C-alpha atoms as a PDB file:
ATOM      1  CA  MET A   1      15.477 171.502  -3.760  1.00  0.00           C
ATOM      2  CA  ALA A   2      15.197 170.567  -7.392  1.00  0.00           C
ATOM      3  CA  SER A   3      14.297 174.299  -8.515  1.00  0.00           C
ATOM      4  CA  ASN A   4      16.751 175.483  -5.834  1.00  0.00           C
ATOM      5  CA  ARG A   5      14.059 178.247  -5.048  1.00  0.00           C
ATOM      6  CA  LEU A   6      13.867 179.329  -1.751  1.00  0.00           C
ATOM      7  CA  VAL A   7      10.225 177.765  -0.253  1.00  0.00           C
ATOM      8  CA  GLY A   8      10.073 178.911   3.507  1.00  0.00           C
ATOM      9  CA  VAL A   9      11.794 180.815   6.326  1.00  0.00           C
ATOM     10  CA  CYS A  10      11.820 180.415  10.154  1.00  0.00           C
ATOM     11  CA  LEU A  11      13.860 184.330  11.656  1.00  0.00           C
ATOM     12  CA  LEU A  12      14.501 183.706  15.419  1.00  0.00           C
ATOM     13  CA  PHE A  13      15.609 186.528  17.410  1.00  0.00           C
ATOM     14  CA  MET A  14      17.062 186.683  20.951  1.00  0.00           C
ATOM     15  CA  GLU A  15      15.238 188.526  23.692  1.00  0.00           C
ATOM     16  CA  ASP A  16      16.737 189.511  26.711  1.00  0.00           C
ATOM     17  CA  GLN A  17      15.390 190.040  29.343  1.00  0.00           C
ATOM     18  CA  GLN A  18      17.997 191.482  33.227  1.00  0.00           C
ATOM     19  CA  ARG A  19      20.940 189.644  31.303  1.00  0.00           C
ATOM     20  CA  THR A  20      18.950 186.377  30.490  1.00  0.00           C
ATOM     21  CA  PHE A  21      18.906 185.863  27.026  1.00  0.00           C
ATOM     22  CA  TYR A  22      15.516 183.059  25.503  1.00  0.00           C
ATOM     23  CA  PRO A  23      15.615 182.796  22.074  1.00  0.00           C
ATOM     24  CA  GLY A  24      12.184 184.004  20.302  1.00  0.00           C
ATOM     25  CA  LEU A  25      10.695 182.950  16.774  1.00  0.00           C
ATOM     26  CA  PHE A  26      10.192 186.018  14.968  1.00  0.00           C
ATOM     27  CA  ASN A  27       8.175 184.468  12.049  1.00  0.00           C
ATOM     28  CA  PHE A  28       7.918 181.652   9.897  1.00  0.00           C
ATOM     29  CA  GLY A  29       6.524 181.105   6.277  1.00  0.00           C
ATOM     30  CA  VAL A  30       5.914 178.794   3.496  1.00  0.00           C
ATOM     31  CA  LEU A  31       4.801 179.631  -0.108  1.00  0.00           C
ATOM     32  CA  PRO A  32       1.549 178.782  -0.889  1.00  0.00           C
ATOM     33  CA  ALA A  33       2.219 176.240  -3.543  1.00  0.00           C
ATOM     34  CA  HIS A  34       4.815 174.335  -0.988  1.00  0.00           C
ATOM     35  CA  ARG A  35       2.283 174.344   1.968  1.00  0.00           C
ATOM     36  CA  ASN A  36       1.146 170.665   3.722  1.00  0.00           C
ATOM     37  CA  ARG A  37       4.688 169.055   3.304  1.00  0.00           C
ATOM     38  CA  ARG A  38       5.680 169.595   6.721  1.00  0.00           C
ATOM     39  CA  ILE A  39       7.761 172.009   5.860  1.00  0.00           C
ATOM     40  CA  ALA A  40       7.146 174.569   8.656  1.00  0.00           C
ATOM     41  CA  ALA A  41       6.857 171.805  11.123  1.00  0.00           C
ATOM     42  CA  ASN A  42      10.293 170.834   9.847  1.00  0.00           C
ATOM     43  CA  MET A  43      12.363 174.124  10.223  1.00  0.00           C
ATOM     44  CA  LEU A  44      10.420 174.811  14.135  1.00  0.00           C
ATOM     45  CA  LYS A  45      12.210 171.291  15.298  1.00  0.00           C
ATOM     46  CA  ARG A  46      15.243 172.088  13.086  1.00  0.00           C
ATOM     47  CA  ALA A  47      15.346 175.289  14.711  1.00  0.00           C
ATOM     48  CA  LEU A  48      14.368 173.965  18.444  1.00  0.00           C
ATOM     49  CA  THR A  49      16.927 171.051  17.775  1.00  0.00           C
ATOM     50  CA  VAL A  50      19.933 173.537  17.366  1.00  0.00           C
ATOM     51  CA  LEU A  51      19.017 176.076  20.418  1.00  0.00           C
ATOM     52  CA  HIS A  52      17.726 172.944  22.855  1.00  0.00           C
ATOM     53  CA  SER A  53      21.493 171.976  24.396  1.00  0.00           C
ATOM     54  CA  GLU A  54      21.943 175.868  24.963  1.00  0.00           C
ATOM     55  CA  TYR A  55      18.212 177.806  25.943  1.00  0.00           C
ATOM     56  CA  PRO A  56      15.190 175.268  27.714  1.00  0.00           C
ATOM     57  CA  ILE A  57      12.743 177.950  26.263  1.00  0.00           C
ATOM     58  CA  MET A  58      12.007 179.165  23.195  1.00  0.00           C
ATOM     59  CA  ARG A  59       9.512 182.132  22.997  1.00  0.00           C
ATOM     60  CA  LEU A  60       6.768 183.140  20.442  1.00  0.00           C
ATOM     61  CA  GLY A  61       3.727 184.866  20.065  1.00  0.00           C
ATOM     62  CA  LEU A  62       0.912 184.416  17.133  1.00  0.00           C
ATOM     63  CA  LEU A  63      -2.296 185.284  16.785  1.00  0.00           C
ATOM     64  CA  GLN A  64      -4.896 183.343  17.982  1.00  0.00           C
ATOM     65  CA  GLY A  65      -7.001 181.367  15.518  1.00  0.00           C
ATOM     66  CA  THR A  66      -4.537 180.827  13.062  1.00  0.00           C
ATOM     67  CA  TYR A  67      -3.225 177.426  11.393  1.00  0.00           C
ATOM     68  CA  ALA A  68      -0.060 178.376  13.075  1.00  0.00           C
ATOM     69  CA  GLU A  69      -1.370 177.513  16.412  1.00  0.00           C
ATOM     70  CA  LEU A  70      -2.373 174.341  15.587  1.00  0.00           C
ATOM     71  CA  LEU A  71       1.400 173.524  14.633  1.00  0.00           C
ATOM     72  CA  TYR A  72       2.877 175.133  17.767  1.00  0.00           C
ATOM     73  CA  TYR A  73       0.319 172.977  19.763  1.00  0.00           C
ATOM     74  CA  ASN A  74       1.255 170.348  17.547  1.00  0.00           C
ATOM     75  CA  LEU A  75       4.869 170.577  18.050  1.00  0.00           C
ATOM     76  CA  GLY A  76       4.859 170.211  22.478  1.00  0.00           C
ATOM     77  CA  PHE A  77       4.275 174.426  22.722  1.00  0.00           C
ATOM     78  CA  MET A  78       2.011 175.008  26.156  1.00  0.00           C
ATOM     79  CA  PRO A  79       0.401 178.442  26.392  1.00  0.00           C
ATOM     80  CA  ALA A  80       1.613 180.825  28.259  1.00  0.00           C
ATOM     81  CA  ASP A  81       0.479 184.142  30.053  1.00  0.00           C
ATOM     82  CA  VAL A  82      -2.097 185.641  26.750  1.00  0.00           C
ATOM     83  CA  GLU A  83      -1.120 189.570  25.922  1.00  0.00           C
ATOM     84  CA  VAL A  84      -3.798 190.943  23.901  1.00  0.00           C
ATOM     85  CA  GLU A  85      -3.017 193.833  21.706  1.00  0.00           C
ATOM     86  CA  ALA A  86      -4.786 196.263  19.577  1.00  0.00           C
ATOM     87  CA  CYS A  87      -3.393 198.475  16.384  1.00  0.00           C
ATOM     88  CA  VAL A  88      -5.344 200.963  15.008  1.00  0.00           C
ATOM     89  CA  LEU A  89      -4.854 203.259  12.151  1.00  0.00           C
ATOM     90  CA  PRO A  90      -6.979 206.158  12.370  1.00  0.00           C
ATOM     91  CA  THR A  91      -7.874 207.164   8.693  1.00  0.00           C
ATOM     92  CA  SER A  92      -6.440 210.635   8.472  1.00  0.00           C
ATOM     93  CA  GLU A  93      -3.070 208.332   8.606  1.00  0.00           C
ATOM     94  CA  ILE A  94      -4.141 206.462   5.891  1.00  0.00           C
ATOM     95  CA  ASN A  95      -4.625 209.453   3.898  1.00  0.00           C
ATOM     96  CA  LEU A  96      -1.049 210.903   4.953  1.00  0.00           C
ATOM     97  CA  LEU A  97       0.288 207.289   4.262  1.00  0.00           C
ATOM     98  CA  LYS A  98      -1.550 207.357   0.736  1.00  0.00           C
ATOM     99  CA  SER A  99       0.353 210.612  -0.002  1.00  0.00           C
ATOM    100  CA  PHE A 100       3.703 209.283   0.306  1.00  0.00           C
ATOM    101  CA  ARG A 101       2.574 207.498  -3.032  1.00  0.00           C
END
């Protein structure tokens, strides 16, 4: 707070499933110099506190094996259906992207 710098963000979204809305965690992060101070946990707890009275569920996606996975479990999130998406970018597309520099 002393520096007035933004050190963390927590981005949420609303998912519409047949006219039923559920909040979801889009992304969050904390600057490396400020990690391990419970900033991410406190941001998520605040989001859950604000949304809890109106929404019984918060959805999120994660990469297994990341630090975020442990944080979610520690905050009480439970695993749901596993969705696996594999995304690849062919070499020809990488070369095309390089040409736009």
